[in-house]
Amino acid sequence: MEPMKEGLNGAAIRRIAANLQRADPTFPAAAFARRATKGIANLELKARVKHVIAALHWALPDDFPDAVRVLCAAKPHWDKGPPSNVSGFAAWPVIDYIGEYGLDYFDESLDALKQLTGLFTAEFAIRPFIAADPERALAIIETWMTDPDVQVRRLASEGTRPRLPWGMALKTLESDPRLTLPILEALKDDPEDYVQKSVGNHLNDHAKHHPKFVVKTCKRWKRGATPARTAIIKRALRNLVKLGDPGALAVLGYKSGADLKLTRFELRPKRLKFGNSLTISAEISSTSKKRQKLVVDYAIHHVKKNGERTPKVFKLKALELGPGEVFDIEKKHAIRAITTRVYYPGTHAVELLINGQSVGIRDFTLIAVPRS
């Protein structure tokens, strides 16, 4: 897979220039491309987006409505380029240009973002409007929930997520989950998986600060739930389940504190070289007289720079065990370089969690961690 930042490389910028020139023959494609590509190789992805937005601001008409007309006119004939995992990123700065410069044209800008979201996603670009005037923005966004375009319906949920990754914080929405509930209610039975996942992720964001609200909402949604809505509920409650929240477990039919016995729990190897995989092996036996639903997770307690340990929970398996039944667990967990974590040598640990409760913890030593 190509690095994400290569979605905005020289070839992508030249493609943006050609797309906009097709929409407006007066667009200075060559000059824009020179300005936008200058120094781009030294920048990471989000910095590249900002850099290209600045070049667009130089090249597009000074009058914002005229600039937006050029951007929207490019959509029907947009060349996405060769298929790849990053080809859509070329439209990111085109869309986010509106979020950067369009606040003085509130309604017109949101309408343009609705039109353009299908090129990439306008989930980042609508957030400045929500931050500036939540009531006005949400009133407009709520009209999108019945739009025939799945991209627009998904934008209504994804763009209003309180804790959207890579997106600006929306403290007002984070503090009051009721503000976006009408959107989620309208979309909870959307036929498209793309929208359903967004609704689940949106509620899961709220679970950090408003667990009772999320549990109450999911409990209500469970009545008469379709299989698709049931999947949304599971996605919405996933972090609360990891934390052993009794309400979340009850909604999904799990008992807090399962009746079982841990008969074996081993880690191999005990001394793990960075870049290799740790094998987690365990055996659990049901001590219940009835069948019981179990959700099995595990937490890696990573060593931090200061020597303390902090846990990160990973999903493993959901299952049912009958009376006296035994379940064997074997999982390989790779400890290798990733962009979201810095590893340090020392004594780490694996904790086995069943229905949110710890049933055992074992240490392992991580060695030969390269210096950053």
Protein backbone atom coordinates (compact mmCIF):
# COMPACT_ATOMS: atom_id res chain seq x y z
CA MET A 1 0.00 0.00 0.00
CA GLU A 2 1.21 3.49 -0.82
CA PRO A 3 1.92 5.83 2.11
CA MET A 4 -1.13 8.04 2.64
CA LYS A 5 0.81 11.25 2.00
CA GLU A 6 1.44 10.07 -1.56
CA GLY A 7 -2.22 10.73 -2.22
CA LEU A 8 -1.11 14.36 -2.50
CA ASN A 9 2.09 14.07 -4.51
CA GLY A 10 3.08 15.89 -7.67
CA ALA A 11 0.98 13.69 -9.93
CA ALA A 12 -2.11 14.22 -7.76
CA ILE A 13 -1.62 17.99 -7.78
CA ARG A 14 -1.33 18.05 -11.55
CA ARG A 15 -4.54 16.03 -11.70
CA ILE A 16 -6.27 18.59 -9.43
CA ALA A 17 -5.07 21.35 -11.76
CA ALA A 18 -6.42 19.58 -14.85
CA ASN A 19 -9.76 18.85 -13.16
CA LEU A 20 -10.25 22.50 -12.21
CA GLN A 21 -9.16 23.77 -15.61
CA ARG A 22 -11.78 21.55 -17.25
CA ALA A 23 -14.36 23.23 -15.01
CA ASP A 24 -12.99 26.72 -15.71
CA PRO A 25 -10.68 27.22 -18.70
CA THR A 26 -9.31 30.39 -17.06
CA PHE A 27 -7.98 28.46 -14.05
CA PRO A 28 -4.14 28.90 -14.00
CA ALA A 29 -3.38 25.19 -13.93
CA ALA A 30 0.37 25.30 -14.59
CA ALA A 31 1.06 28.11 -12.12
CA PHE A 32 -1.09 26.46 -9.47
CA ALA A 33 0.72 23.14 -9.93
CA ARG A 34 4.13 24.81 -9.58
CA ARG A 35 3.07 26.62 -6.40
CA ALA A 36 1.35 23.57 -4.89
CA THR A 37 4.19 21.14 -5.59
CA LYS A 38 6.96 23.40 -4.30
CA GLY A 39 8.28 21.82 -1.10
CA ILE A 40 5.49 19.22 -0.97
CA ALA A 41 7.89 16.28 -0.73
CA ASN A 42 9.09 17.45 2.69
CA LEU A 43 5.59 17.56 4.20
CA GLU A 44 3.41 14.94 5.86
CA LEU A 45 -0.19 14.37 4.77
CA LYS A 46 -2.13 16.97 6.77
CA ALA A 47 0.54 19.58 6.11
CA ARG A 48 0.25 18.78 2.40
CA VAL A 49 -3.49 19.38 2.57
CA LYS A 50 -2.91 22.83 4.10
CA HIS A 51 -0.19 23.60 1.57
CA VAL A 52 -2.43 22.78 -1.41
CA ILE A 53 -5.33 24.75 0.10
CA ALA A 54 -3.07 27.81 0.22
CA ALA A 55 -2.19 27.31 -3.45
CA LEU A 56 -5.88 26.97 -4.31
CA HIS A 57 -6.61 30.21 -2.50
CA TRP A 58 -4.03 31.93 -4.69
CA ALA A 59 -5.34 30.39 -7.93
CA LEU A 60 -9.13 30.47 -7.52
CA PRO A 61 -11.24 33.63 -8.02
CA ASP A 62 -11.06 36.12 -5.16
CA ASP A 63 -14.82 36.13 -4.85
CA PHE A 64 -15.65 33.08 -2.72
CA PRO A 65 -18.97 32.18 -4.42
CA ASP A 66 -17.18 32.25 -7.79
CA ALA A 67 -14.45 29.98 -6.39
CA VAL A 68 -17.01 27.51 -5.07
CA ARG A 69 -18.77 27.42 -8.45
CA VAL A 70 -15.48 26.30 -10.03
CA LEU A 71 -15.00 23.57 -7.42
CA CYS A 72 -18.56 22.24 -7.78
CA ALA A 73 -18.38 22.39 -11.58
CA ALA A 74 -15.34 20.08 -11.45
CA LYS A 75 -17.22 17.27 -9.70
CA PRO A 76 -19.10 15.74 -12.68
CA HIS A 77 -15.87 15.31 -14.65
CA TRP A 78 -13.44 14.65 -11.79
CA ASP A 79 -10.58 12.36 -12.79
CA LYS A 80 -9.72 10.22 -9.75
CA GLY A 81 -6.56 8.89 -11.36
CA PRO A 82 -5.22 5.33 -11.28
CA PRO A 83 -6.99 3.14 -8.70
CA SER A 84 -5.09 2.96 -5.43
CA ASN A 85 -5.67 3.16 -1.68
CA VAL A 86 -4.82 6.90 -1.77
CA SER A 87 -6.24 8.11 -5.08
CA GLY A 88 -9.20 9.87 -3.43
CA PHE A 89 -6.95 12.11 -1.33
CA ALA A 90 -6.49 14.55 -4.22
CA ALA A 91 -9.98 15.89 -3.53
CA TRP A 92 -9.28 16.50 0.17
CA PRO A 93 -7.82 20.03 -0.15
CA VAL A 94 -10.46 20.94 -2.75
CA ILE A 95 -13.19 20.13 -0.24
CA ASP A 96 -11.40 21.53 2.81
CA TYR A 97 -10.82 24.81 0.98
CA ILE A 98 -14.50 25.50 1.70
CA GLY A 99 -14.07 24.78 5.40
CA GLU A 100 -11.09 27.13 5.49
CA TYR A 101 -12.58 30.11 3.68
CA GLY A 102 -16.34 29.67 3.60
CA LEU A 103 -17.61 30.62 7.06
CA ASP A 104 -18.90 33.98 5.84
CA TYR A 105 -21.06 32.09 3.30
CA PHE A 106 -22.52 29.60 5.78
CA ASP A 107 -25.49 28.08 3.96
CA GLU A 108 -23.87 28.18 0.53
CA SER A 109 -20.74 26.48 1.85
CA LEU A 110 -22.62 23.64 3.51
CA ASP A 111 -24.59 23.09 0.32
CA ALA A 112 -21.34 22.90 -1.64
CA LEU A 113 -19.88 20.43 0.86
CA LYS A 114 -22.99 18.29 0.47
CA GLN A 115 -22.39 18.27 -3.30
CA LEU A 116 -18.66 17.54 -3.09
CA THR A 117 -18.52 14.95 -0.30
CA GLY A 118 -18.70 12.08 -2.78
CA LEU A 119 -15.28 12.97 -4.20
CA PHE A 120 -13.55 12.16 -0.90
CA THR A 121 -15.41 13.17 2.27
CA ALA A 122 -16.47 16.52 3.69
CA GLU A 123 -16.46 15.20 7.25
CA PHE A 124 -13.52 17.44 8.19
CA ALA A 125 -14.65 20.51 6.26
CA ILE A 126 -18.10 20.78 7.88
CA ARG A 127 -16.69 20.88 11.40
CA PRO A 128 -15.68 24.57 11.44
CA PHE A 129 -19.30 25.43 10.62
CA ILE A 130 -20.60 23.27 13.46
CA ALA A 131 -18.09 24.82 15.87
CA ALA A 132 -19.05 28.34 14.78
CA ASP A 133 -22.84 27.90 15.01
CA PRO A 134 -23.96 24.42 16.12
CA GLU A 135 -27.68 25.14 16.00
CA ARG A 136 -27.61 26.59 12.49
CA ALA A 137 -25.28 23.90 11.14
CA LEU A 138 -27.21 21.00 12.64
CA ALA A 139 -30.50 22.37 11.29
CA ILE A 140 -29.03 22.17 7.79
CA ILE A 141 -27.30 18.81 8.29
CA GLU A 142 -30.52 17.25 9.61
CA THR A 143 -32.09 17.80 6.17
CA TRP A 144 -29.50 15.45 4.65
CA MET A 145 -30.62 12.32 6.51
CA THR A 146 -33.10 11.26 3.82
CA ASP A 147 -30.89 12.19 0.88
CA PRO A 148 -30.74 9.46 -1.80
CA ASP A 149 -26.92 9.73 -1.87
CA VAL A 150 -25.36 7.40 0.72
CA GLN A 151 -22.30 9.66 0.90
CA VAL A 152 -24.47 12.58 2.05
CA ARG A 153 -26.31 10.49 4.67
CA ARG A 154 -23.04 9.16 5.99
CA LEU A 155 -21.66 12.71 6.15
CA ALA A 156 -24.55 13.70 8.45
CA SER A 157 -23.38 11.15 11.01
CA GLU A 158 -19.62 11.10 10.46
CA GLY A 159 -19.12 14.85 10.24
CA THR A 160 -20.96 15.42 13.51
CA ARG A 161 -19.03 12.79 15.49
CA PRO A 162 -17.80 14.45 18.67
CA ARG A 163 -14.34 12.85 18.53
CA LEU A 164 -13.67 12.29 14.83
CA PRO A 165 -10.09 11.09 14.21
CA TRP A 166 -8.07 13.79 12.38
CA GLY A 167 -11.00 16.20 12.77
CA MET A 168 -11.18 19.35 14.88
CA ALA A 169 -12.74 18.92 18.33
CA LEU A 170 -16.43 19.77 18.69
CA LYS A 171 -16.70 20.48 22.42
CA THR A 172 -20.35 21.51 22.25
CA LEU A 173 -21.38 18.19 20.71
CA GLU A 174 -19.09 16.27 23.03
CA SER A 175 -20.65 17.89 26.10
CA ASP A 176 -24.27 17.22 25.06
CA PRO A 177 -24.94 13.99 23.14
CA ARG A 178 -28.61 14.92 22.73
CA LEU A 179 -27.70 17.46 20.06
CA THR A 180 -26.91 14.84 17.42
CA LEU A 181 -29.37 12.18 18.58
CA PRO A 182 -32.00 13.19 15.96
CA ILE A 183 -29.45 12.41 13.24
CA LEU A 184 -28.63 9.01 14.72
CA GLU A 185 -32.29 8.16 15.28
CA ALA A 186 -33.04 8.88 11.63
CA LEU A 187 -30.09 6.79 10.40
CA LYS A 188 -30.19 3.83 12.80
CA ASP A 189 -32.03 1.74 10.18
CA ASP A 190 -30.23 3.06 7.12
CA PRO A 191 -29.86 0.25 4.56
CA GLU A 192 -26.18 0.98 3.83
CA ASP A 193 -23.40 -0.60 5.90
CA TYR A 194 -21.28 2.52 5.28
CA VAL A 195 -23.81 4.62 7.19
CA GLN A 196 -24.49 1.99 9.85
CA LYS A 197 -20.81 1.84 10.84
CA SER A 198 -20.69 5.61 11.15
CA VAL A 199 -23.75 5.64 13.45
CA GLY A 200 -22.14 2.99 15.67
CA ASN A 201 -18.84 4.87 15.79
CA HIS A 202 -20.65 8.13 16.57
CA LEU A 203 -22.38 6.62 19.61
CA ASN A 204 -19.15 4.92 20.65
CA ASP A 205 -17.48 8.37 20.73
CA HIS A 206 -20.11 9.53 23.22
CA ALA A 207 -19.53 6.48 25.41
CA LYS A 208 -16.31 7.96 26.82
CA HIS A 209 -18.07 10.87 28.54
CA HIS A 210 -21.72 9.76 28.54
CA PRO A 211 -21.84 5.98 29.07
CA LYS A 212 -25.30 5.99 30.66
CA PHE A 213 -26.73 7.95 27.73
CA VAL A 214 -25.25 5.49 25.22
CA VAL A 215 -26.43 2.43 27.16
CA LYS A 216 -29.93 3.90 27.50
CA THR A 217 -30.08 4.68 23.77
CA CYS A 218 -28.88 1.22 22.78
CA LYS A 219 -31.30 -0.46 25.18
CA ARG A 220 -34.16 1.44 23.54
CA TRP A 221 -32.88 0.66 20.03
CA LYS A 222 -32.64 -3.03 20.87
CA ARG A 223 -36.43 -3.33 20.95
CA GLY A 224 -37.46 -4.62 17.53
CA ALA A 225 -33.90 -4.31 16.24
CA THR A 226 -33.02 -5.66 12.82
CA PRO A 227 -29.73 -7.57 12.42
CA ALA A 228 -28.19 -4.37 10.98
CA ARG A 229 -29.30 -2.26 13.94
CA THR A 230 -28.03 -4.97 16.32
CA ALA A 231 -24.61 -4.62 14.65
CA ILE A 232 -24.76 -0.85 15.22
CA ILE A 233 -25.51 -1.43 18.91
CA LYS A 234 -22.53 -3.79 19.24
CA ARG A 235 -20.25 -1.25 17.57
CA ALA A 236 -21.58 1.55 19.80
CA LEU A 237 -20.97 -0.42 22.98
CA ARG A 238 -17.63 -2.00 22.10
CA ASN A 239 -15.45 0.20 24.31
CA LEU A 240 -17.87 0.02 27.23
CA VAL A 241 -17.77 -3.78 26.93
CA LYS A 242 -13.97 -3.66 27.06
CA LEU A 243 -14.29 -1.64 30.26
CA GLY A 244 -16.72 -4.14 31.76
CA ASP A 245 -19.61 -1.69 31.95
CA PRO A 246 -22.50 -3.71 33.46
CA GLY A 247 -25.18 -1.82 31.53
CA ALA A 248 -23.47 -2.33 28.18
CA LEU A 249 -22.90 -6.01 28.91
CA ALA A 250 -26.54 -6.45 29.87
CA VAL A 251 -27.79 -4.86 26.63
CA LEU A 252 -25.76 -7.40 24.65
CA GLY A 253 -26.84 -10.32 26.81
CA TYR A 254 -23.59 -10.82 28.71
CA LYS A 255 -23.35 -11.44 32.44
CA SER A 256 -20.92 -9.25 34.35
CA GLY A 257 -18.65 -11.74 36.10
CA ALA A 258 -19.04 -14.98 34.15
CA ASP A 259 -19.01 -18.40 35.84
CA LEU A 260 -15.81 -19.99 34.62
CA LYS A 261 -12.36 -21.21 35.56
CA LEU A 262 -9.06 -20.29 33.90
CA THR A 263 -7.24 -23.61 33.65
CA ARG A 264 -4.28 -22.42 31.58
CA PHE A 265 -2.77 -19.07 30.58
CA GLU A 266 0.65 -18.87 28.94
CA LEU A 267 2.74 -16.43 26.89
CA ARG A 268 5.42 -17.52 24.41
CA PRO A 269 8.18 -16.50 24.35
CA LYS A 270 8.79 -15.01 27.76
CA ARG A 271 11.49 -12.77 26.26
CA LEU A 272 10.22 -11.26 23.02
CA LYS A 273 12.44 -9.54 20.49
CA PHE A 274 10.92 -6.39 19.01
CA GLY A 275 9.47 -7.11 15.56
CA ASN A 276 8.33 -10.61 16.44
CA SER A 277 4.96 -11.97 17.58
CA LEU A 278 3.83 -12.96 21.04
CA THR A 279 1.66 -16.10 21.29
CA ILE A 280 -1.13 -15.85 23.85
CA SER A 281 -2.48 -19.25 24.86
CA ALA A 282 -5.22 -20.02 27.39
CA GLU A 283 -7.95 -22.46 28.32
CA ILE A 284 -11.21 -21.56 30.07
CA SER A 285 -13.82 -23.93 31.48
CA SER A 286 -17.45 -23.06 32.18
CA THR A 287 -18.57 -23.66 35.77
CA SER A 288 -22.15 -22.56 35.06
CA LYS A 289 -25.16 -24.88 34.97
CA LYS A 290 -26.54 -22.87 32.04
CA ARG A 291 -25.22 -21.72 28.69
CA GLN A 292 -23.53 -18.35 28.97
CA LYS A 293 -22.46 -15.73 26.46
CA LEU A 294 -18.85 -14.63 26.74
CA VAL A 295 -16.87 -11.84 25.17
CA VAL A 296 -13.14 -12.46 25.39
CA ASP A 297 -10.67 -9.58 25.08
CA TYR A 298 -7.08 -9.06 26.09
CA ALA A 299 -5.12 -6.02 27.20
CA ILE A 300 -1.46 -5.40 26.49
CA HIS A 301 0.05 -3.40 29.36
CA HIS A 302 2.73 -1.46 27.49
CA VAL A 303 5.75 0.01 29.22
CA LYS A 304 5.90 3.79 28.86
CA LYS A 305 9.00 5.98 28.74
CA ASN A 306 8.78 6.66 32.48
CA GLY A 307 8.65 2.93 33.25
CA GLU A 308 4.96 2.84 34.15
CA ARG A 309 2.57 0.55 32.27
CA THR A 310 -0.63 1.51 30.45
CA PRO A 311 -3.17 -0.96 29.01
CA LYS A 312 -4.55 -1.14 25.48
CA VAL A 313 -7.51 -3.51 24.99
CA PHE A 314 -7.85 -5.68 21.86
CA LYS A 315 -10.85 -7.72 20.72
CA LEU A 316 -10.46 -11.48 20.62
CA LYS A 317 -13.71 -13.48 20.36
CA ALA A 318 -17.38 -13.63 21.32
CA LEU A 319 -18.77 -17.10 22.02
CA GLU A 320 -21.20 -19.21 24.03
CA LEU A 321 -20.20 -22.00 26.41
CA GLY A 322 -22.48 -24.73 27.70
CA PRO A 323 -22.21 -26.27 31.18
CA GLY A 324 -18.74 -27.74 31.65
CA GLU A 325 -17.57 -26.83 28.16
CA VAL A 326 -13.95 -25.84 27.55
CA PHE A 327 -12.63 -23.19 25.16
CA ASP A 328 -9.04 -22.98 23.95
CA ILE A 329 -7.59 -19.59 23.09
CA GLU A 330 -4.55 -19.02 20.89
CA LYS A 331 -3.69 -15.61 19.49
CA LYS A 332 -0.55 -14.19 17.91
CA HIS A 333 0.05 -10.51 18.67
CA ALA A 334 2.75 -8.75 16.66
CA ILE A 335 4.98 -6.24 18.45
CA ARG A 336 6.36 -4.17 15.61
CA ALA A 337 6.79 -0.55 14.54
CA ILE A 338 3.52 1.35 14.09
CA THR A 339 2.87 5.08 13.75
CA THR A 340 0.51 5.27 16.74
CA ARG A 341 2.78 3.81 19.42
CA VAL A 342 6.35 4.09 20.66
CA TYR A 343 7.60 0.89 22.28
CA TYR A 344 10.07 0.72 25.16
CA PRO A 345 11.95 -2.31 26.46
CA GLY A 346 11.01 -3.80 29.80
CA THR A 347 8.44 -5.96 31.51
CA HIS A 348 5.12 -5.73 29.67
CA ALA A 349 2.03 -7.81 30.47
CA VAL A 350 -0.99 -9.45 28.89
CA GLU A 351 -4.28 -9.42 30.82
CA LEU A 352 -7.13 -11.72 29.82
CA LEU A 353 -10.58 -10.11 30.08
CA ILE A 354 -13.86 -12.03 29.95
CA ASN A 355 -17.11 -10.07 30.01
CA GLY A 356 -15.03 -7.06 30.99
CA GLN A 357 -13.52 -8.75 34.06
CA SER A 358 -9.87 -9.64 34.54
CA VAL A 359 -9.32 -13.39 34.87
CA GLY A 360 -5.53 -13.43 34.74
CA ILE A 361 -2.40 -11.49 33.88
CA ARG A 362 1.03 -12.67 32.73
CA ASP A 363 4.30 -10.78 32.18
CA PHE A 364 6.70 -10.88 29.26
CA THR A 365 9.93 -9.00 28.60
CA LEU A 366 10.32 -6.94 25.43
CA ILE A 367 13.92 -6.68 24.25
CA ALA A 368 15.93 -5.20 21.37
CA VAL A 369 13.63 -2.22 20.80
CA PRO A 370 15.28 0.11 18.24
CA ARG A 371 15.90 3.68 19.32
CA SER A 372 13.70 6.26 17.62
